[in-house]
């Protein structure tokens, strides 16, 4: 395996990157169930919404919601599988 070296020039980051700017974030999962992955995704979605980001959670298989959706997180269901 070969790696290229990275040269640090001391130049400042471009002005177009603003880490304080709010983001629009979409989480995609089959459902909002009891599993550990969903638990972590809901926790993260809630923290990002608290920070001021626009957070959505899209489910596409099972419409049932077995976990509380955090305040500020929009849940949308689309039936993509028959």
Protein backbone atom coordinates (compact mmCIF):
# COMPACT_ATOMS: atom_id res chain seq x y z
CA UNK A 1 0.00 0.00 0.00
CA UNK A 2 1.39 3.39 -0.94
CA UNK A 3 0.47 6.72 0.65
CA UNK A 4 1.06 10.21 -0.69
CA UNK A 5 2.62 12.70 1.69
CA UNK A 6 0.63 15.75 2.74
CA UNK A 7 2.40 19.09 2.76
CA UNK A 8 1.26 21.61 5.36
CA UNK A 9 1.65 25.11 3.90
CA UNK A 10 0.29 27.21 6.75
CA UNK A 11 -2.46 28.70 4.57
CA UNK A 12 -5.78 29.37 6.26
CA UNK A 13 -8.88 27.36 5.44
CA UNK A 14 -11.13 28.68 2.65
CA UNK A 15 -13.81 31.13 3.75
CA UNK A 16 -16.55 28.96 2.20
CA UNK A 17 -16.33 26.47 5.10
CA UNK A 18 -18.31 27.58 8.13
CA UNK A 19 -18.56 24.94 10.84
CA UNK A 20 -20.99 27.08 12.86
CA UNK A 21 -23.58 27.12 10.08
CA UNK A 22 -26.62 24.88 10.64
CA UNK A 23 -27.02 21.84 8.40
CA UNK A 24 -29.89 19.89 6.90
CA UNK A 25 -29.42 16.24 7.90
CA UNK A 26 -31.37 13.16 6.80
CA UNK A 27 -31.21 9.82 8.61
CA UNK A 28 -32.47 6.82 6.62
CA UNK A 29 -33.53 3.55 8.23
CA UNK A 30 -36.03 0.75 7.63
CA UNK A 31 -38.03 1.66 10.76
CA UNK A 32 -37.90 3.28 14.16
CA UNK A 33 -37.67 0.13 16.23
CA UNK A 34 -36.07 -1.16 19.39
CA UNK A 35 -32.60 -1.89 17.99
CA UNK A 36 -29.32 -0.37 19.11
CA UNK A 37 -28.58 1.32 15.78
CA UNK A 38 -31.93 3.11 15.87
CA UNK A 39 -31.31 4.12 19.49
CA UNK A 40 -27.99 5.73 18.56
CA UNK A 41 -29.45 7.39 15.44
CA UNK A 42 -32.32 8.90 17.47
CA UNK A 43 -29.92 10.11 20.15
CA UNK A 44 -27.67 11.76 17.56
CA UNK A 45 -30.65 13.22 15.68
CA UNK A 46 -31.92 14.77 18.91
CA UNK A 47 -28.56 16.32 19.79
CA UNK A 48 -28.16 17.76 16.28
CA UNK A 49 -31.69 19.22 16.42
CA UNK A 50 -30.91 20.79 19.81
CA UNK A 51 -27.81 22.37 18.25
CA UNK A 52 -30.02 24.01 15.62
CA UNK A 53 -29.65 21.69 12.65
CA UNK A 54 -32.68 20.75 10.55
CA UNK A 55 -32.95 16.99 11.14
CA UNK A 56 -35.26 14.53 9.36
CA UNK A 57 -35.65 10.78 9.82
CA UNK A 58 -36.96 8.82 6.82
CA UNK A 59 -38.26 5.26 7.24
CA UNK A 60 -39.16 3.05 4.29
CA UNK A 61 -40.26 -0.39 5.46
CA UNK A 62 -42.20 -0.48 8.73
CA UNK A 63 -44.43 2.48 9.57
CA UNK A 64 -44.63 1.64 13.30
CA UNK A 65 -42.67 3.86 15.68
CA UNK A 66 -41.40 1.99 18.75
CA UNK A 67 -39.21 4.75 20.13
CA UNK A 68 -39.82 8.42 20.96
CA UNK A 69 -38.81 10.75 18.15
CA UNK A 70 -36.87 13.64 19.71
CA UNK A 71 -38.31 17.15 19.69
CA UNK A 72 -37.22 19.00 16.57
CA UNK A 73 -36.74 15.84 14.47
CA UNK A 74 -39.17 15.41 11.58
CA UNK A 75 -40.23 11.80 10.86
CA UNK A 76 -41.43 10.85 7.37
CA UNK A 77 -42.41 7.38 6.16
CA UNK A 78 -42.35 6.31 2.51
CA UNK A 79 -43.53 2.80 1.61
CA UNK A 80 -40.80 1.77 -0.87
CA UNK A 81 -41.18 -2.00 -0.50
CA UNK A 82 -44.32 -4.03 -1.08
